[in-house]
Amino acid sequence: MVLDFSRFSASGIFTSVVLGLFAGIVMAFFEKKQFFSKGGVLPQFVTNWIDVMVSAFIVYIPIFILTSVVHLDIYAAIANLFSPLEVLGQSYAGFVLIVGISIFLYAFGLSAWTLVGIWYPIMLTGIAENSQLVAQGLPAVNINTMEAGMAWVFLGGMGATFMLNIFFLFSKSKRLKSFGKAILVPTIMNINEPMVFGAPIAWNPILMIPFIINGFLLPAIVYPILRSGIITIPAQPNQLWFLPIGVSTYMVSQDWKGLILLVVTLAISGLVYYPFFKVYEKQCVDKEKTLES
């Protein structure tokens, strides 16, 4: 047996995701369709063992036939199958839609991490290719990477909630002000589940609107700026997304102009949030006055 370690790279994630889904579907099917009814003659642990072994063989046999009999290169076949998805994912529309749709679903309480099987392989492949290009003396070309996202798009977390947290700190509402202080540190570290589910943003008809707008707007602005070559496209893997805002931005690009773009995207996200924040703040203040009276 020979192991090709080049296939342990980011591109191999596509293969593992597909084969993992296949195995999971088969195992789940036999979990529901047992061969022996419960309470039969055979002990339960024996029937469980038979169900597991049969499902394992059904997972194994077609893979064995394809690889050892037909000599199909499953890795290459799946990579070719998903290659159009990689191309689309690195396009302008792909970057905007992948980020925007993830945040749209997040606004309805469905964590963006549930889509990680779709967008994360694209991002990992993108940064791996950038690293290889730079090593060859060529410029990086892939923009849809986690590094670019955490530097200029996911500011305070997906949906760019950092500026909303700042507005909370100076709010006339006692609740919003106290809440803004409580979640400031996680927000600085780009962790915004407390904001999304605590403010709340999820299912909040006021705050979810700017949340979604920023989800589509910021990647739509960042992509052409990086594509123009004004700012260095991240080319080295750096998954430290939980570093403070600004620190992670400079680390991924090592270009001082990237900090200027950070200020611009923060300002834009703040302008989008501010009018909706004021409406929500008024509601909270009115509610607090009602409770006090």
C-alpha atoms as a PDB file:
ATOM      1  CA  MET A   1       0.000   0.000   0.000  1.00  0.00           C
ATOM      2  CA  VAL A   2       1.327   3.410  -0.991  1.00  0.00           C
ATOM      3  CA  LEU A   3       0.006   6.602   0.590  1.00  0.00           C
ATOM      4  CA  ASP A   4       0.002   9.724  -1.556  1.00  0.00           C
ATOM      5  CA  PHE A   5       0.298  12.466   1.035  1.00  0.00           C
ATOM      6  CA  SER A   6      -0.435  15.135  -1.562  1.00  0.00           C
ATOM      7  CA  ARG A   7      -4.031  13.951  -1.319  1.00  0.00           C
ATOM      8  CA  PHE A   8      -4.179  14.878   2.346  1.00  0.00           C
ATOM      9  CA  SER A   9      -4.327  18.523   1.278  1.00  0.00           C
ATOM     10  CA  ALA A  10      -7.380  20.782   1.157  1.00  0.00           C
ATOM     11  CA  SER A  11      -8.620  19.210  -2.083  1.00  0.00           C
ATOM     12  CA  GLY A  12      -9.000  15.885  -0.317  1.00  0.00           C
ATOM     13  CA  ILE A  13     -11.793  17.361   1.789  1.00  0.00           C
ATOM     14  CA  PHE A  14     -14.182  17.052  -1.154  1.00  0.00           C
ATOM     15  CA  THR A  15     -13.481  13.321  -1.342  1.00  0.00           C
ATOM     16  CA  SER A  16     -13.881  12.779   2.389  1.00  0.00           C
ATOM     17  CA  VAL A  17     -17.120  14.780   2.479  1.00  0.00           C
ATOM     18  CA  VAL A  18     -18.694  12.745  -0.345  1.00  0.00           C
ATOM     19  CA  LEU A  19     -17.571   9.358   1.001  1.00  0.00           C
ATOM     20  CA  GLY A  20     -18.526  10.411   4.523  1.00  0.00           C
ATOM     21  CA  LEU A  21     -22.031  11.289   3.371  1.00  0.00           C
ATOM     22  CA  PHE A  22     -22.313   7.939   1.564  1.00  0.00           C
ATOM     23  CA  ALA A  23     -21.264   6.000   4.664  1.00  0.00           C
ATOM     24  CA  GLY A  24     -23.533   8.065   6.907  1.00  0.00           C
ATOM     25  CA  ILE A  25     -26.593   7.549   4.696  1.00  0.00           C
ATOM     26  CA  VAL A  26     -26.063   3.775   4.549  1.00  0.00           C
ATOM     27  CA  MET A  27     -25.473   3.455   8.293  1.00  0.00           C
ATOM     28  CA  ALA A  28     -28.516   5.614   9.083  1.00  0.00           C
ATOM     29  CA  PHE A  29     -30.674   3.495   6.784  1.00  0.00           C
ATOM     30  CA  PHE A  30     -29.755   0.260   8.546  1.00  0.00           C
ATOM     31  CA  GLU A  31     -30.192   1.910  11.917  1.00  0.00           C
ATOM     32  CA  LYS A  32     -33.884   2.273  11.028  1.00  0.00           C
ATOM     33  CA  LYS A  33     -34.238  -0.987   9.032  1.00  0.00           C
ATOM     34  CA  GLN A  34     -33.073  -3.692  11.415  1.00  0.00           C
ATOM     35  CA  PHE A  35     -32.878  -7.299  10.176  1.00  0.00           C
ATOM     36  CA  PHE A  36     -34.241  -8.769  13.372  1.00  0.00           C
ATOM     37  CA  SER A  37     -37.129  -7.503  15.464  1.00  0.00           C
ATOM     38  CA  LYS A  38     -36.434  -6.524  19.034  1.00  0.00           C
ATOM     39  CA  GLY A  39     -37.297  -9.102  21.656  1.00  0.00           C
ATOM     40  CA  GLY A  40     -36.565 -12.033  19.344  1.00  0.00           C
ATOM     41  CA  VAL A  41     -34.636 -15.235  20.043  1.00  0.00           C
ATOM     42  CA  LEU A  42     -31.210 -13.720  19.491  1.00  0.00           C
ATOM     43  CA  PRO A  43     -29.746 -11.414  22.156  1.00  0.00           C
ATOM     44  CA  GLN A  44     -29.966  -7.726  21.328  1.00  0.00           C
ATOM     45  CA  PHE A  45     -26.188  -7.253  21.182  1.00  0.00           C
ATOM     46  CA  VAL A  46     -25.979  -9.973  18.502  1.00  0.00           C
ATOM     47  CA  THR A  47     -28.661  -8.394  16.317  1.00  0.00           C
ATOM     48  CA  ASN A  48     -26.996  -5.007  16.731  1.00  0.00           C
ATOM     49  CA  TRP A  49     -23.667  -6.520  15.675  1.00  0.00           C
ATOM     50  CA  ILE A  50     -25.240  -8.101  12.560  1.00  0.00           C
ATOM     51  CA  ASP A  51     -26.904  -4.803  11.568  1.00  0.00           C
ATOM     52  CA  VAL A  52     -23.614  -2.942  11.924  1.00  0.00           C
ATOM     53  CA  MET A  53     -21.609  -5.541  10.012  1.00  0.00           C
ATOM     54  CA  VAL A  54     -24.083  -5.687   7.107  1.00  0.00           C
ATOM     55  CA  SER A  55     -24.158  -1.899   6.761  1.00  0.00           C
ATOM     56  CA  ALA A  56     -20.354  -1.778   6.970  1.00  0.00           C
ATOM     57  CA  PHE A  57     -20.050  -4.335   4.161  1.00  0.00           C
ATOM     58  CA  ILE A  58     -22.495  -2.360   2.014  1.00  0.00           C
ATOM     59  CA  VAL A  59     -20.309   0.698   2.523  1.00  0.00           C
ATOM     60  CA  TYR A  60     -17.114  -1.231   1.860  1.00  0.00           C
ATOM     61  CA  ILE A  61     -18.015  -3.518  -1.073  1.00  0.00           C
ATOM     62  CA  PRO A  62     -18.835  -0.864  -3.738  1.00  0.00           C
ATOM     63  CA  ILE A  63     -15.757   1.151  -2.760  1.00  0.00           C
ATOM     64  CA  PHE A  64     -13.640  -2.019  -3.004  1.00  0.00           C
ATOM     65  CA  ILE A  65     -15.071  -2.865  -6.434  1.00  0.00           C
ATOM     66  CA  LEU A  66     -14.526   0.648  -7.761  1.00  0.00           C
ATOM     67  CA  THR A  67     -10.953   0.923  -6.501  1.00  0.00           C
ATOM     68  CA  SER A  68      -9.569  -2.632  -6.718  1.00  0.00           C
ATOM     69  CA  VAL A  69     -11.588  -4.182  -9.564  1.00  0.00           C
ATOM     70  CA  VAL A  70     -12.530  -1.270 -11.838  1.00  0.00           C
ATOM     71  CA  HIS A  71      -9.397   0.671 -10.764  1.00  0.00           C
ATOM     72  CA  LEU A  72     -11.307   3.927 -10.564  1.00  0.00           C
ATOM     73  CA  ASP A  73      -9.423   6.821  -9.008  1.00  0.00           C
ATOM     74  CA  ILE A  74     -12.194   8.038  -6.692  1.00  0.00           C
ATOM     75  CA  TYR A  75     -10.149  11.010  -5.542  1.00  0.00           C
ATOM     76  CA  ALA A  76      -9.623  12.256  -9.096  1.00  0.00           C
ATOM     77  CA  ALA A  77     -13.227  11.486 -10.081  1.00  0.00           C
ATOM     78  CA  ILE A  78     -14.699  13.461  -7.180  1.00  0.00           C
ATOM     79  CA  ALA A  79     -12.187  16.284  -7.622  1.00  0.00           C
ATOM     80  CA  ASN A  80     -13.200  16.588 -11.292  1.00  0.00           C
ATOM     81  CA  LEU A  81     -16.865  16.453 -10.318  1.00  0.00           C
ATOM     82  CA  PHE A  82     -16.472  19.343  -7.896  1.00  0.00           C
ATOM     83  CA  SER A  83     -14.033  21.407  -9.949  1.00  0.00           C
ATOM     84  CA  PRO A  84     -16.836  23.626 -11.372  1.00  0.00           C
ATOM     85  CA  LEU A  85     -17.920  24.350  -7.789  1.00  0.00           C
ATOM     86  CA  GLU A  86     -14.387  25.485  -6.928  1.00  0.00           C
ATOM     87  CA  VAL A  87     -14.322  27.798  -9.964  1.00  0.00           C
ATOM     88  CA  LEU A  88     -17.725  29.229  -9.090  1.00  0.00           C
ATOM     89  CA  GLY A  89     -16.735  29.595  -5.448  1.00  0.00           C
ATOM     90  CA  GLN A  90     -13.725  31.739  -6.353  1.00  0.00           C
ATOM     91  CA  SER A  91     -15.736  34.034  -8.639  1.00  0.00           C
ATOM     92  CA  TYR A  92     -17.209  37.369  -7.605  1.00  0.00           C
ATOM     93  CA  ALA A  93     -20.730  35.916  -7.506  1.00  0.00           C
ATOM     94  CA  GLY A  94     -19.524  32.834  -5.674  1.00  0.00           C
ATOM     95  CA  PHE A  95     -17.827  34.832  -2.920  1.00  0.00           C
ATOM     96  CA  VAL A  96     -20.830  37.119  -2.416  1.00  0.00           C
ATOM     97  CA  LEU A  97     -23.385  34.300  -2.499  1.00  0.00           C
ATOM     98  CA  ILE A  98     -21.482  31.900  -0.241  1.00  0.00           C
ATOM     99  CA  VAL A  99     -21.009  34.551   2.434  1.00  0.00           C
ATOM    100  CA  GLY A 100     -24.392  36.200   1.932  1.00  0.00           C
ATOM    101  CA  ILE A 101     -26.487  33.024   1.958  1.00  0.00           C
ATOM    102  CA  SER A 102     -24.672  31.737   5.036  1.00  0.00           C
ATOM    103  CA  ILE A 103     -25.498  34.940   6.903  1.00  0.00           C
ATOM    104  CA  PHE A 104     -29.055  34.983   5.558  1.00  0.00           C
ATOM    105  CA  LEU A 105     -29.628  31.555   7.115  1.00  0.00           C
ATOM    106  CA  TYR A 106     -27.841  32.684  10.285  1.00  0.00           C
ATOM    107  CA  ALA A 107     -30.396  35.489  10.608  1.00  0.00           C
ATOM    108  CA  PHE A 108     -33.061  32.792  10.956  1.00  0.00           C
ATOM    109  CA  GLY A 109     -31.138  30.975  13.664  1.00  0.00           C
ATOM    110  CA  LEU A 110     -29.383  28.438  11.431  1.00  0.00           C
ATOM    111  CA  SER A 111     -25.683  28.705  12.223  1.00  0.00           C
ATOM    112  CA  ALA A 112     -23.457  29.413   9.237  1.00  0.00           C
ATOM    113  CA  TRP A 113     -21.260  26.531  10.397  1.00  0.00           C
ATOM    114  CA  THR A 114     -23.953  24.113   9.223  1.00  0.00           C
ATOM    115  CA  LEU A 115     -22.860  24.969   5.658  1.00  0.00           C
ATOM    116  CA  VAL A 116     -19.205  24.394   6.407  1.00  0.00           C
ATOM    117  CA  GLY A 117     -19.175  21.271   4.206  1.00  0.00           C
ATOM    118  CA  ILE A 118     -19.935  23.478   1.191  1.00  0.00           C
ATOM    119  CA  TRP A 119     -17.863  26.615   1.654  1.00  0.00           C
ATOM    120  CA  TYR A 120     -14.955  25.487   3.820  1.00  0.00           C
ATOM    121  CA  PRO A 121     -13.384  23.121   1.252  1.00  0.00           C
ATOM    122  CA  ILE A 122     -13.537  25.933  -1.318  1.00  0.00           C
ATOM    123  CA  MET A 123     -11.809  28.321   1.078  1.00  0.00           C
ATOM    124  CA  LEU A 124      -9.154  25.798   2.116  1.00  0.00           C
ATOM    125  CA  THR A 125      -8.415  24.892  -1.490  1.00  0.00           C
ATOM    126  CA  GLY A 126      -8.189  28.585  -2.344  1.00  0.00           C
ATOM    127  CA  ILE A 127      -5.615  29.428   0.329  1.00  0.00           C
ATOM    128  CA  ALA A 128      -3.617  26.264  -0.500  1.00  0.00           C
ATOM    129  CA  GLU A 129      -3.419  27.282  -4.164  1.00  0.00           C
ATOM    130  CA  ASN A 130      -2.456  30.842  -3.184  1.00  0.00           C
ATOM    131  CA  SER A 131       0.388  29.502  -1.063  1.00  0.00           C
ATOM    132  CA  GLN A 132       1.644  27.353  -3.944  1.00  0.00           C
ATOM    133  CA  LEU A 133       1.470  30.262  -6.402  1.00  0.00           C
ATOM    134  CA  VAL A 134       3.443  32.575  -4.129  1.00  0.00           C
ATOM    135  CA  ALA A 135       6.045  29.843  -3.559  1.00  0.00           C
ATOM    136  CA  GLN A 136       6.500  29.754  -7.345  1.00  0.00           C
ATOM    137  CA  GLY A 137       6.959  33.530  -7.469  1.00  0.00           C
ATOM    138  CA  LEU A 138       3.455  34.161  -8.822  1.00  0.00           C
ATOM    139  CA  PRO A 139       0.750  36.391  -7.291  1.00  0.00           C
ATOM    140  CA  ALA A 140      -2.086  34.916  -5.239  1.00  0.00           C
ATOM    141  CA  VAL A 141      -5.395  34.895  -7.102  1.00  0.00           C
ATOM    142  CA  ASN A 142      -8.031  33.268  -4.860  1.00  0.00           C
ATOM    143  CA  ILE A 143     -10.051  35.698  -2.753  1.00  0.00           C
ATOM    144  CA  ASN A 144     -12.685  33.397  -1.282  1.00  0.00           C
ATOM    145  CA  THR A 145     -10.632  32.223   1.694  1.00  0.00           C
ATOM    146  CA  MET A 146     -11.235  32.203   5.427  1.00  0.00           C
ATOM    147  CA  GLU A 147      -8.244  34.531   5.749  1.00  0.00           C
ATOM    148  CA  ALA A 148      -9.821  37.230   3.563  1.00  0.00           C
ATOM    149  CA  GLY A 149     -13.146  36.762   5.295  1.00  0.00           C
ATOM    150  CA  MET A 150     -11.843  37.192   8.809  1.00  0.00           C
ATOM    151  CA  ALA A 151      -9.694  40.158   7.772  1.00  0.00           C
ATOM    152  CA  TRP A 152     -12.356  42.327   6.125  1.00  0.00           C
ATOM    153  CA  VAL A 153     -15.803  40.664   6.138  1.00  0.00           C
ATOM    154  CA  PHE A 154     -16.460  38.733   9.361  1.00  0.00           C
ATOM    155  CA  LEU A 155     -15.876  41.729  11.622  1.00  0.00           C
ATOM    156  CA  GLY A 156     -16.983  40.709  15.066  1.00  0.00           C
ATOM    157  CA  GLY A 157     -18.355  37.504  13.583  1.00  0.00           C
ATOM    158  CA  MET A 158     -20.405  36.637  10.522  1.00  0.00           C
ATOM    159  CA  GLY A 159     -22.699  39.534   9.694  1.00  0.00           C
ATOM    160  CA  ALA A 160     -20.088  42.077  10.849  1.00  0.00           C
ATOM    161  CA  THR A 161     -21.679  42.793  14.236  1.00  0.00           C
ATOM    162  CA  PHE A 162     -18.704  44.641  15.744  1.00  0.00           C
ATOM    163  CA  MET A 163     -20.074  48.122  15.070  1.00  0.00           C
ATOM    164  CA  LEU A 164     -23.507  47.107  16.367  1.00  0.00           C
ATOM    165  CA  ASN A 165     -21.821  46.101  19.619  1.00  0.00           C
ATOM    166  CA  ILE A 166     -20.154  49.524  19.769  1.00  0.00           C
ATOM    167  CA  PHE A 167     -23.540  51.204  19.319  1.00  0.00           C
ATOM    168  CA  PHE A 168     -24.902  49.104  22.180  1.00  0.00           C
ATOM    169  CA  LEU A 169     -22.170  50.417  24.481  1.00  0.00           C
ATOM    170  CA  PHE A 170     -23.481  53.974  24.054  1.00  0.00           C
ATOM    171  CA  SER A 171     -27.156  53.105  23.915  1.00  0.00           C
ATOM    172  CA  LYS A 172     -29.851  54.967  25.853  1.00  0.00           C
ATOM    173  CA  SER A 173     -31.351  51.578  26.650  1.00  0.00           C
ATOM    174  CA  LYS A 174     -30.063  50.132  29.919  1.00  0.00           C
ATOM    175  CA  ARG A 175     -30.507  46.589  28.658  1.00  0.00           C
ATOM    176  CA  LEU A 176     -28.657  47.156  25.406  1.00  0.00           C
ATOM    177  CA  LYS A 177     -25.852  49.025  27.149  1.00  0.00           C
ATOM    178  CA  SER A 178     -25.362  46.286  29.757  1.00  0.00           C
ATOM    179  CA  PHE A 179     -25.587  43.611  27.100  1.00  0.00           C
ATOM    180  CA  GLY A 180     -23.037  45.420  24.916  1.00  0.00           C
ATOM    181  CA  LYS A 181     -20.536  45.432  27.799  1.00  0.00           C
ATOM    182  CA  ALA A 182     -21.129  41.758  28.560  1.00  0.00           C
ATOM    183  CA  ILE A 183     -20.403  40.541  25.013  1.00  0.00           C
ATOM    184  CA  LEU A 184     -17.689  43.019  24.003  1.00  0.00           C
ATOM    185  CA  VAL A 185     -14.749  40.641  24.482  1.00  0.00           C
ATOM    186  CA  PRO A 186     -16.288  37.775  22.445  1.00  0.00           C
ATOM    187  CA  THR A 187     -17.206  40.289  19.718  1.00  0.00           C
ATOM    188  CA  ILE A 188     -13.640  41.588  19.539  1.00  0.00           C
ATOM    189  CA  MET A 189     -12.576  37.952  19.126  1.00  0.00           C
ATOM    190  CA  ASN A 190     -15.081  37.510  16.257  1.00  0.00           C
ATOM    191  CA  ILE A 191     -17.456  35.343  18.284  1.00  0.00           C
ATOM    192  CA  ASN A 192     -20.976  36.681  17.844  1.00  0.00           C
ATOM    193  CA  GLU A 193     -23.326  33.878  18.864  1.00  0.00           C
ATOM    194  CA  PRO A 194     -24.093  35.874  22.063  1.00  0.00           C
ATOM    195  CA  MET A 195     -25.018  38.861  19.888  1.00  0.00           C
ATOM    196  CA  VAL A 196     -27.036  36.906  17.330  1.00  0.00           C
ATOM    197  CA  PHE A 197     -29.066  34.934  19.854  1.00  0.00           C
ATOM    198  CA  GLY A 198     -28.945  37.334  22.792  1.00  0.00           C
ATOM    199  CA  ALA A 199     -29.625  40.803  21.378  1.00  0.00           C
ATOM    200  CA  PRO A 200     -31.275  39.121  19.509  1.00  0.00           C
ATOM    201  CA  ILE A 201     -30.597  39.437  15.803  1.00  0.00           C
ATOM    202  CA  ALA A 202     -32.017  36.028  14.845  1.00  0.00           C
ATOM    203  CA  TRP A 203     -35.740  36.361  14.044  1.00  0.00           C
ATOM    204  CA  ASN A 204     -35.619  40.033  15.021  1.00  0.00           C
ATOM    205  CA  PRO A 205     -37.402  41.810  12.113  1.00  0.00           C
ATOM    206  CA  ILE A 206     -35.414  45.000  12.759  1.00  0.00           C
ATOM    207  CA  LEU A 207     -31.814  43.882  13.308  1.00  0.00           C
ATOM    208  CA  MET A 208     -31.831  40.944  10.919  1.00  0.00           C
ATOM    209  CA  ILE A 209     -32.300  43.311   7.951  1.00  0.00           C
ATOM    210  CA  PRO A 210     -28.929  45.123   8.285  1.00  0.00           C
ATOM    211  CA  PHE A 211     -27.357  41.826   9.340  1.00  0.00           C
ATOM    212  CA  ILE A 212     -28.317  40.289   5.994  1.00  0.00           C
ATOM    213  CA  ILE A 213     -27.456  43.456   4.023  1.00  0.00           C
ATOM    214  CA  ASN A 214     -23.915  43.454   5.426  1.00  0.00           C
ATOM    215  CA  GLY A 215     -23.657  39.758   4.631  1.00  0.00           C
ATOM    216  CA  PHE A 216     -23.997  40.507   0.918  1.00  0.00           C
ATOM    217  CA  LEU A 217     -22.590  44.060   0.805  1.00  0.00           C
ATOM    218  CA  LEU A 218     -19.179  43.611   2.443  1.00  0.00           C
ATOM    219  CA  PRO A 219     -17.956  40.713   0.274  1.00  0.00           C
ATOM    220  CA  ALA A 220     -19.282  42.602  -2.771  1.00  0.00           C
ATOM    221  CA  ILE A 221     -17.004  45.521  -1.825  1.00  0.00           C
ATOM    222  CA  VAL A 222     -13.958  43.558  -0.674  1.00  0.00           C
ATOM    223  CA  TYR A 223     -13.699  41.263  -3.706  1.00  0.00           C
ATOM    224  CA  PRO A 224     -13.076  43.916  -6.422  1.00  0.00           C
ATOM    225  CA  ILE A 225     -10.652  45.802  -4.168  1.00  0.00           C
ATOM    226  CA  LEU A 226      -8.536  42.690  -3.614  1.00  0.00           C
ATOM    227  CA  ARG A 227      -8.863  41.721  -7.264  1.00  0.00           C
ATOM    228  CA  SER A 228      -7.501  45.129  -8.315  1.00  0.00           C
ATOM    229  CA  GLY A 229      -4.189  44.369  -6.603  1.00  0.00           C
ATOM    230  CA  ILE A 230      -4.310  47.439  -4.368  1.00  0.00           C
ATOM    231  CA  ILE A 231      -4.099  45.224  -1.307  1.00  0.00           C
ATOM    232  CA  THR A 232      -2.164  41.983  -1.007  1.00  0.00           C
ATOM    233  CA  ILE A 233      -4.373  38.894  -1.290  1.00  0.00           C
ATOM    234  CA  PRO A 234      -3.780  36.538   1.673  1.00  0.00           C
ATOM    235  CA  ALA A 235      -1.538  33.673   0.619  1.00  0.00           C
ATOM    236  CA  GLN A 236      -0.566  31.870   3.823  1.00  0.00           C
ATOM    237  CA  PRO A 237      -2.883  29.631   5.863  1.00  0.00           C
ATOM    238  CA  ASN A 238      -3.882  31.433   9.041  1.00  0.00           C
ATOM    239  CA  GLN A 239      -6.966  29.990  10.724  1.00  0.00           C
ATOM    240  CA  LEU A 240      -6.659  32.143  13.860  1.00  0.00           C
ATOM    241  CA  TRP A 241     -10.017  33.800  13.198  1.00  0.00           C
ATOM    242  CA  PHE A 242     -10.496  34.361  16.945  1.00  0.00           C
ATOM    243  CA  LEU A 243      -7.672  36.911  17.124  1.00  0.00           C
ATOM    244  CA  PRO A 244      -8.760  40.508  17.835  1.00  0.00           C
ATOM    245  CA  ILE A 245     -10.024  42.576  14.911  1.00  0.00           C
ATOM    246  CA  GLY A 246      -7.128  44.393  13.267  1.00  0.00           C
ATOM    247  CA  VAL A 247      -4.499  41.940  14.492  1.00  0.00           C
ATOM    248  CA  SER A 248      -5.850  39.156  12.281  1.00  0.00           C
ATOM    249  CA  THR A 249      -6.237  41.626   9.391  1.00  0.00           C
ATOM    250  CA  TYR A 250      -2.570  42.546   9.381  1.00  0.00           C
ATOM    251  CA  MET A 251      -1.371  38.986   9.978  1.00  0.00           C
ATOM    252  CA  VAL A 252      -3.135  37.539   6.937  1.00  0.00           C
ATOM    253  CA  SER A 253      -2.019  40.210   4.459  1.00  0.00           C
ATOM    254  CA  GLN A 254       0.981  41.895   6.125  1.00  0.00           C
ATOM    255  CA  ASP A 255      -0.019  44.970   4.145  1.00  0.00           C
ATOM    256  CA  TRP A 256      -0.727  48.230   5.966  1.00  0.00           C
ATOM    257  CA  LYS A 257      -3.256  49.137   3.270  1.00  0.00           C
ATOM    258  CA  GLY A 258      -5.300  46.202   4.506  1.00  0.00           C
ATOM    259  CA  LEU A 259      -5.883  48.129   7.738  1.00  0.00           C
ATOM    260  CA  ILE A 260      -7.319  51.013   5.727  1.00  0.00           C
ATOM    261  CA  LEU A 261      -9.731  48.607   4.040  1.00  0.00           C
ATOM    262  CA  LEU A 262     -10.638  47.315   7.501  1.00  0.00           C
ATOM    263  CA  VAL A 263     -11.583  50.846   8.610  1.00  0.00           C
ATOM    264  CA  VAL A 264     -13.646  51.279   5.444  1.00  0.00           C
ATOM    265  CA  THR A 265     -15.584  48.029   5.898  1.00  0.00           C
ATOM    266  CA  LEU A 266     -16.151  48.799   9.589  1.00  0.00           C
ATOM    267  CA  ALA A 267     -17.526  52.216   8.660  1.00  0.00           C
ATOM    268  CA  ILE A 268     -19.793  50.778   5.978  1.00  0.00           C
ATOM    269  CA  SER A 269     -21.154  48.098   8.293  1.00  0.00           C
ATOM    270  CA  GLY A 270     -21.760  50.748  10.941  1.00  0.00           C
ATOM    271  CA  LEU A 271     -23.678  52.970   8.505  1.00  0.00           C
ATOM    272  CA  VAL A 272     -25.870  50.032   7.572  1.00  0.00           C
ATOM    273  CA  TYR A 273     -26.589  49.094  11.183  1.00  0.00           C
ATOM    274  CA  TYR A 274     -27.089  52.563  12.680  1.00  0.00           C
ATOM    275  CA  PRO A 275     -30.633  53.493  11.511  1.00  0.00           C
ATOM    276  CA  PHE A 276     -31.965  50.048  12.401  1.00  0.00           C
ATOM    277  CA  PHE A 277     -30.197  50.201  15.762  1.00  0.00           C
ATOM    278  CA  LYS A 278     -31.912  53.503  16.558  1.00  0.00           C
ATOM    279  CA  VAL A 279     -35.326  52.005  15.806  1.00  0.00           C
ATOM    280  CA  TYR A 280     -34.621  48.993  17.993  1.00  0.00           C
ATOM    281  CA  GLU A 281     -33.138  51.185  20.721  1.00  0.00           C
ATOM    282  CA  LYS A 282     -36.331  53.276  20.855  1.00  0.00           C
ATOM    283  CA  GLN A 283     -38.408  50.136  21.254  1.00  0.00           C
ATOM    284  CA  CYS A 284     -36.193  48.936  24.099  1.00  0.00           C
ATOM    285  CA  VAL A 285     -36.263  52.341  25.846  1.00  0.00           C
ATOM    286  CA  ASP A 286     -40.058  52.555  25.570  1.00  0.00           C
ATOM    287  CA  LYS A 287     -40.376  49.044  26.972  1.00  0.00           C
ATOM    288  CA  GLU A 288     -38.077  49.889  29.879  1.00  0.00           C
ATOM    289  CA  LYS A 289     -40.106  53.029  30.718  1.00  0.00           C
ATOM    290  CA  THR A 290     -43.303  50.971  30.658  1.00  0.00           C
ATOM    291  CA  LEU A 291     -41.856  48.413  33.056  1.00  0.00           C
ATOM    292  CA  GLU A 292     -40.567  51.142  35.390  1.00  0.00           C
ATOM    293  CA  SER A 293     -43.956  52.834  35.528  1.00  0.00           C
END
